Each structure stands twice: as C-alpha cells, then as structure tokens.
C-alpha cells in the first residue's frame, strides 16, 4: 500500500512541477525519471523483486486462504453461541 501511495504522490508532484515550470521542464523531469528507470542497477533490483514475489506468491496465497477460513469458522462459532437478535 505504501508503494501505491508513493507512486500517486510522485505522479501528482510531477504534474504540479510540470504545470508550474511548463512543458519543457516537465519533459526534462520525465527524461530524468526515464533515465533512472532504465539504469541497469535499477532494472536488476526490479527483476529481483519480481522474482521474489513470483516465488513467494503461492505461500502468501495459502496463508491468506487459511487465515480467511479460520476467521470464517470463528465467526460461525460465535454466531452459533450467540445468535443475532433482531
């Protein structure tokens, strides 16, 4: 979630800076960001994160599924013990 917030903040900041400084400055900022993104060191880290996520996704899915089933079972037990009063 933090990554999404930072991404949106970066978009807004880029828009504001671009609008204030004009199209030319915006293009300079965009070109700088593109240069950083295309840097081999950055791309290496991007691939490392992608590989990590691909490796861990099944484990996370299993854990989330088990947690959801346990939560559902607890809710069902609580409702059986104390039914909802209307």
C-alpha atoms as a PDB file:
ATOM      1  CA  UNK A   1       0.000   0.000   0.000  1.00  0.00           C
ATOM      2  CA  UNK A   2       2.851   2.349   0.826  1.00  0.00           C
ATOM      3  CA  UNK A   3       4.247   1.858  -2.680  1.00  0.00           C
ATOM      4  CA  UNK A   4       0.933   2.825  -4.264  1.00  0.00           C
ATOM      5  CA  UNK A   5       0.724   5.968  -2.164  1.00  0.00           C
ATOM      6  CA  UNK A   6       4.263   6.952  -3.116  1.00  0.00           C
ATOM      7  CA  UNK A   7       3.526   6.288  -6.781  1.00  0.00           C
ATOM      8  CA  UNK A   8       0.422   8.501  -6.724  1.00  0.00           C
ATOM      9  CA  UNK A   9       2.332  11.189  -4.831  1.00  0.00           C
ATOM     10  CA  UNK A  10       5.079  11.051  -7.469  1.00  0.00           C
ATOM     11  CA  UNK A  11       2.521  11.436 -10.240  1.00  0.00           C
ATOM     12  CA  UNK A  12       0.947  14.434  -8.548  1.00  0.00           C
ATOM     13  CA  UNK A  13       4.314  16.016  -7.851  1.00  0.00           C
ATOM     14  CA  UNK A  14       5.382  15.504 -11.446  1.00  0.00           C
ATOM     15  CA  UNK A  15       2.154  17.047 -12.689  1.00  0.00           C
ATOM     16  CA  UNK A  16       2.445  20.078 -10.423  1.00  0.00           C
ATOM     17  CA  UNK A  17       6.087  20.664 -11.271  1.00  0.00           C
ATOM     18  CA  UNK A  18       5.345  20.216 -14.942  1.00  0.00           C
ATOM     19  CA  UNK A  19       2.414  22.605 -14.840  1.00  0.00           C
ATOM     20  CA  UNK A  20       4.364  25.281 -12.985  1.00  0.00           C
ATOM     21  CA  UNK A  21       7.584  25.068 -14.943  1.00  0.00           C
ATOM     22  CA  UNK A  22       5.991  24.488 -18.307  1.00  0.00           C
ATOM     23  CA  UNK A  23       6.173  21.692 -20.804  1.00  0.00           C
ATOM     24  CA  UNK A  24       9.938  21.963 -21.333  1.00  0.00           C
ATOM     25  CA  UNK A  25      10.763  21.451 -17.669  1.00  0.00           C
ATOM     26  CA  UNK A  26       8.235  18.635 -17.472  1.00  0.00           C
ATOM     27  CA  UNK A  27       9.974  16.889 -20.346  1.00  0.00           C
ATOM     28  CA  UNK A  28      13.314  17.304 -18.564  1.00  0.00           C
ATOM     29  CA  UNK A  29      11.912  15.757 -15.397  1.00  0.00           C
ATOM     30  CA  UNK A  30      10.304  12.923 -17.355  1.00  0.00           C
ATOM     31  CA  UNK A  31      13.533  12.236 -19.247  1.00  0.00           C
ATOM     32  CA  UNK A  32      15.472  12.149 -15.965  1.00  0.00           C
ATOM     33  CA  UNK A  33      12.996   9.726 -14.429  1.00  0.00           C
ATOM     34  CA  UNK A  34      13.129   7.528 -17.540  1.00  0.00           C
ATOM     35  CA  UNK A  35      16.927   7.529 -17.413  1.00  0.00           C
ATOM     36  CA  UNK A  36      16.886   6.406 -13.778  1.00  0.00           C
ATOM     37  CA  UNK A  37      14.275   3.718 -14.528  1.00  0.00           C
ATOM     38  CA  UNK A  38      16.343   2.345 -17.415  1.00  0.00           C
ATOM     39  CA  UNK A  39      19.526   2.205 -15.331  1.00  0.00           C
ATOM     40  CA  UNK A  40      20.773  -1.412 -15.247  1.00  0.00           C
ATOM     41  CA  UNK A  41      21.131  -1.308 -11.452  1.00  0.00           C
ATOM     42  CA  UNK A  42      17.505  -0.265 -11.042  1.00  0.00           C
ATOM     43  CA  UNK A  43      16.303  -2.879 -13.509  1.00  0.00           C
ATOM     44  CA  UNK A  44      18.332  -5.543 -11.694  1.00  0.00           C
ATOM     45  CA  UNK A  45      16.520  -4.665  -8.474  1.00  0.00           C
ATOM     46  CA  UNK A  46      13.155  -4.645 -10.254  1.00  0.00           C
ATOM     47  CA  UNK A  47      13.816  -8.150 -11.548  1.00  0.00           C
ATOM     48  CA  UNK A  48      14.962  -9.277  -8.106  1.00  0.00           C
ATOM     49  CA  UNK A  49      11.699  -8.061  -6.578  1.00  0.00           C
ATOM     50  CA  UNK A  50       9.644  -9.637  -9.373  1.00  0.00           C
ATOM     51  CA  UNK A  51      11.371 -12.982  -8.862  1.00  0.00           C
ATOM     52  CA  UNK A  52      10.866 -12.776  -5.086  1.00  0.00           C
ATOM     53  CA  UNK A  53       7.157 -12.039  -5.498  1.00  0.00           C
ATOM     54  CA  UNK A  54       6.719 -14.871  -8.003  1.00  0.00           C
ATOM     55  CA  UNK A  55       8.480 -17.213  -5.586  1.00  0.00           C
ATOM     56  CA  UNK A  56       6.510 -16.163  -2.500  1.00  0.00           C
ATOM     57  CA  UNK A  57       3.050 -15.639  -4.047  1.00  0.00           C
ATOM     58  CA  UNK A  58       1.885 -19.266  -3.597  1.00  0.00           C
ATOM     59  CA  UNK A  59       2.937 -19.260   0.070  1.00  0.00           C
ATOM     60  CA  UNK A  60       1.184 -15.963   0.720  1.00  0.00           C
ATOM     61  CA  UNK A  61      -1.948 -17.199  -1.056  1.00  0.00           C
ATOM     62  CA  UNK A  62      -2.016 -20.337   1.097  1.00  0.00           C
ATOM     63  CA  UNK A  63      -1.527 -18.364   4.317  1.00  0.00           C
ATOM     64  CA  UNK A  64      -4.246 -15.866   3.379  1.00  0.00           C
ATOM     65  CA  UNK A  65      -6.626 -18.679   2.488  1.00  0.00           C
ATOM     66  CA  UNK A  66      -6.032 -20.453   5.794  1.00  0.00           C
ATOM     67  CA  UNK A  67      -6.461 -17.197   7.736  1.00  0.00           C
ATOM     68  CA  UNK A  68      -9.749 -16.468   5.948  1.00  0.00           C
ATOM     69  CA  UNK A  69     -11.055 -19.979   6.660  1.00  0.00           C
ATOM     70  CA  UNK A  70     -10.101 -19.672  10.337  1.00  0.00           C
ATOM     71  CA  UNK A  71     -11.774 -16.272  10.622  1.00  0.00           C
ATOM     72  CA  UNK A  72     -14.926 -17.591   8.963  1.00  0.00           C
ATOM     73  CA  UNK A  73     -15.002 -20.573  11.329  1.00  0.00           C
ATOM     74  CA  UNK A  74     -14.639 -18.292  14.366  1.00  0.00           C
ATOM     75  CA  UNK A  75     -17.472 -16.061  13.164  1.00  0.00           C
ATOM     76  CA  UNK A  76     -19.651 -19.105  12.572  1.00  0.00           C
ATOM     77  CA  UNK A  77     -18.880 -20.386  16.101  1.00  0.00           C
ATOM     78  CA  UNK A  78     -19.639 -17.006  17.642  1.00  0.00           C
ATOM     79  CA  UNK A  79     -22.956 -16.773  15.818  1.00  0.00           C
ATOM     80  CA  UNK A  80     -23.861 -20.327  16.906  1.00  0.00           C
ATOM     81  CA  UNK A  81     -23.153 -19.477  20.538  1.00  0.00           C
ATOM     82  CA  UNK A  82     -24.902 -16.111  20.458  1.00  0.00           C
ATOM     83  CA  UNK A  83     -27.360 -15.778  17.564  1.00  0.00           C
ATOM     84  CA  UNK A  84     -28.073 -12.320  16.206  1.00  0.00           C
ATOM     85  CA  UNK A  85     -31.008 -10.652  17.897  1.00  0.00           C
ATOM     86  CA  UNK A  86     -33.407  -8.732  15.618  1.00  0.00           C
END
